[in-house]
C-alpha atoms as a PDB file:
ATOM      1  CA  MET A   1       2.614 -16.645  -3.111  1.00  0.00           C
ATOM      2  CA  MET A   2       0.431 -19.485  -4.701  1.00  0.00           C
ATOM      3  CA  ALA A   3      -1.737 -19.608  -1.535  1.00  0.00           C
ATOM      4  CA  GLY A   4      -2.288 -15.647  -1.799  1.00  0.00           C
ATOM      5  CA  ALA A   5      -3.154 -15.992  -5.544  1.00  0.00           C
ATOM      6  CA  ALA A   6      -5.751 -18.853  -4.736  1.00  0.00           C
ATOM      7  CA  GLY A   7      -7.120 -17.075  -2.157  1.00  0.00           C
ATOM      8  CA  THR A   8      -7.744 -14.131  -4.245  1.00  0.00           C
ATOM      9  CA  ALA A   9      -9.361 -15.988  -7.114  1.00  0.00           C
ATOM     10  CA  LEU A  10     -11.315 -17.934  -4.745  1.00  0.00           C
ATOM     11  CA  GLY A  11     -12.586 -14.893  -3.075  1.00  0.00           C
ATOM     12  CA  TYR A  12     -13.284 -12.974  -6.506  1.00  0.00           C
ATOM     13  CA  HIS A  13     -15.813 -15.906  -7.352  1.00  0.00           C
ATOM     14  CA  LEU A  14     -17.207 -16.348  -3.949  1.00  0.00           C
ATOM     15  CA  ALA A  15     -18.048 -12.681  -3.397  1.00  0.00           C
ATOM     16  CA  GLY A  16     -21.366 -12.907  -4.968  1.00  0.00           C
ATOM     17  CA  ALA A  17     -22.193 -15.864  -3.279  1.00  0.00           C
ATOM     18  CA  LEU A  18     -21.576 -14.714   0.114  1.00  0.00           C
ATOM     19  CA  PRO A  19     -24.114 -12.498   2.106  1.00  0.00           C
ATOM     20  CA  PHE A  20     -23.282  -8.786   1.660  1.00  0.00           C
ATOM     21  CA  PRO A  21     -21.999  -8.226   5.224  1.00  0.00           C
ATOM     22  CA  ILE A  22     -19.489 -10.880   5.269  1.00  0.00           C
ATOM     23  CA  THR A  23     -18.280  -9.456   1.554  1.00  0.00           C
ATOM     24  CA  VAL A  24     -17.855  -5.853   2.840  1.00  0.00           C
ATOM     25  CA  SER A  25     -16.359  -7.053   5.898  1.00  0.00           C
ATOM     26  CA  LEU A  26     -13.506  -9.089   3.898  1.00  0.00           C
ATOM     27  CA  ILE A  27     -12.939  -6.053   1.773  1.00  0.00           C
ATOM     28  CA  PHE A  28     -11.350  -4.144   4.936  1.00  0.00           C
ATOM     29  CA  LEU A  29      -8.998  -7.181   5.789  1.00  0.00           C
ATOM     30  CA  ASN A  30      -6.319  -5.753   3.059  1.00  0.00           C
ATOM     31  CA  PRO A  31      -5.989  -2.419   4.889  1.00  0.00           C
ATOM     32  CA  VAL A  32      -5.992  -3.858   8.258  1.00  0.00           C
ATOM     33  CA  TYR A  33      -3.100  -6.495   7.051  1.00  0.00           C
ATOM     34  CA  PHE A  34      -1.285  -3.251   5.929  1.00  0.00           C
ATOM     35  CA  VAL A  35      -1.642  -1.566   9.126  1.00  0.00           C
ATOM     36  CA  PHE A  36      -0.293  -4.321  10.959  1.00  0.00           C
ATOM     37  CA  LEU A  37       2.418  -4.982   8.428  1.00  0.00           C
ATOM     38  CA  PHE A  38       3.747  -1.147   8.922  1.00  0.00           C
ATOM     39  CA  ALA A  39       3.043  -0.875  12.661  1.00  0.00           C
ATOM     40  CA  GLY A  40       6.608  -1.978  13.220  1.00  0.00           C
ATOM     41  CA  VAL A  41       8.095   0.457  11.121  1.00  0.00           C
ATOM     42  CA  ARG A  42      10.720   2.797  13.106  1.00  0.00           C
ATOM     43  CA  HIS A  43      13.238   3.930  10.394  1.00  0.00           C
ATOM     44  CA  ARG A  44      12.880   7.441   9.055  1.00  0.00           C
ATOM     45  CA  LYS A  45      12.954   6.691   5.214  1.00  0.00           C
ATOM     46  CA  PHE A  46      10.309   4.011   5.723  1.00  0.00           C
ATOM     47  CA  VAL A  47       8.017   6.373   7.629  1.00  0.00           C
ATOM     48  CA  LEU A  48       8.841   9.082   5.096  1.00  0.00           C
ATOM     49  CA  ALA A  49       7.725   6.694   2.309  1.00  0.00           C
ATOM     50  CA  LEU A  50       4.446   5.802   4.187  1.00  0.00           C
ATOM     51  CA  ILE A  51       3.333   9.365   4.502  1.00  0.00           C
ATOM     52  CA  ILE A  52       4.364  10.387   1.010  1.00  0.00           C
ATOM     53  CA  GLY A  53       2.656   7.463  -0.391  1.00  0.00           C
ATOM     54  CA  ALA A  54      -0.420   8.124   1.827  1.00  0.00           C
ATOM     55  CA  LEU A  55      -0.594  11.543   0.599  1.00  0.00           C
ATOM     56  CA  LEU A  56       0.190  11.102  -3.102  1.00  0.00           C
ATOM     57  CA  GLY A  57      -1.819   7.741  -3.295  1.00  0.00           C
ATOM     58  CA  PRO A  58      -5.297   9.366  -3.796  1.00  0.00           C
ATOM     59  CA  LEU A  59      -4.200  11.818  -6.444  1.00  0.00           C
ATOM     60  CA  PHE A  60      -1.781   8.860  -8.470  1.00  0.00           C
ATOM     61  CA  HIS A  61      -5.255   6.685  -8.246  1.00  0.00           C
ATOM     62  CA  TRP A  62      -7.303   9.579  -9.477  1.00  0.00           C
ATOM     63  CA  VAL A  63      -4.908  10.047 -12.428  1.00  0.00           C
ATOM     64  CA  SER A  64      -4.478   6.537 -13.161  1.00  0.00           C
ATOM     65  CA  PRO A  65      -6.602   3.743 -11.250  1.00  0.00           C
ATOM     66  CA  ASP A  66      -4.762   0.909 -13.012  1.00  0.00           C
ATOM     67  CA  TRP A  67      -1.051   2.449 -12.380  1.00  0.00           C
ATOM     68  CA  GLY A  68      -1.477   4.638  -9.483  1.00  0.00           C
ATOM     69  CA  LEU A  69      -0.510   2.245  -7.010  1.00  0.00           C
ATOM     70  CA  ALA A  70       2.924   1.495  -8.770  1.00  0.00           C
ATOM     71  CA  PHE A  71       3.678   5.041  -9.606  1.00  0.00           C
ATOM     72  CA  CYS A  72       3.100   6.151  -6.172  1.00  0.00           C
ATOM     73  CA  GLY A  73       5.100   3.449  -4.717  1.00  0.00           C
ATOM     74  CA  VAL A  74       8.141   4.448  -6.842  1.00  0.00           C
ATOM     75  CA  ILE A  75       7.863   8.167  -6.748  1.00  0.00           C
ATOM     76  CA  ALA A  76       7.125   7.996  -2.771  1.00  0.00           C
ATOM     77  CA  GLY A  77       9.798   5.603  -2.236  1.00  0.00           C
ATOM     78  CA  THR A  78      12.301   7.535  -4.134  1.00  0.00           C
ATOM     79  CA  ALA A  79      11.524  11.033  -2.449  1.00  0.00           C
ATOM     80  CA  ALA A  80      11.525   9.377   0.937  1.00  0.00           C
ATOM     81  CA  TYR A  81      15.049   8.003   0.195  1.00  0.00           C
ATOM     82  CA  TRP A  82      16.374  11.203  -1.101  1.00  0.00           C
ATOM     83  CA  LEU A  83      14.745  13.084   1.772  1.00  0.00           C
ATOM     84  CA  ASP A  84      16.122  10.934   4.172  1.00  0.00           C
ATOM     85  CA  ARG A  85      19.887  11.365   2.599  1.00  0.00           C
ATOM     86  CA  ARG A  86      19.287  15.129   2.740  1.00  0.00           C
ATOM     87  CA  MET A  87      18.320  14.985   6.499  1.00  0.00           C
ATOM     88  CA  ALA A  88      21.304  12.598   7.430  1.00  0.00           C
ATOM     89  CA  GLY A  89      23.620  15.059   5.462  1.00  0.00           C
ATOM     90  CA  GLY A  90      24.934  12.166   3.260  1.00  0.00           C
ATOM     91  CA  ASP A  91      26.299  13.041  -0.014  1.00  0.00           C
ATOM     92  CA  ASP A  92      28.138   9.766  -0.679  1.00  0.00           C
END
C-alpha cells in the first residue's frame, strides 16, 4: 500500500517532467493492470459485477466524477449478488 501511494505521488509530480509519449503510455498501465487482474475471473457473480459495472460506469462518472466509481462499484456489486442468487434459485 505504501509503495502504491509513493508511486502515485511520484508519478503525479514527475508527469510534467517526462516526455509526452511516456506520460501517455504510463496512463494506460492502470487499465492494463485491471485487464490482467480480472482475466482469471470465472465465477458468475464476479462476471456479472464486471459487466454491470462496465455498463453503468460511464453514466455514474458523468453524474459524479468524484464519487461515480464508488457508487458504481457498490451498485454493480450489489446487483450482481442479487442477480446471481436469483439465477441460482437461492432464497436462503
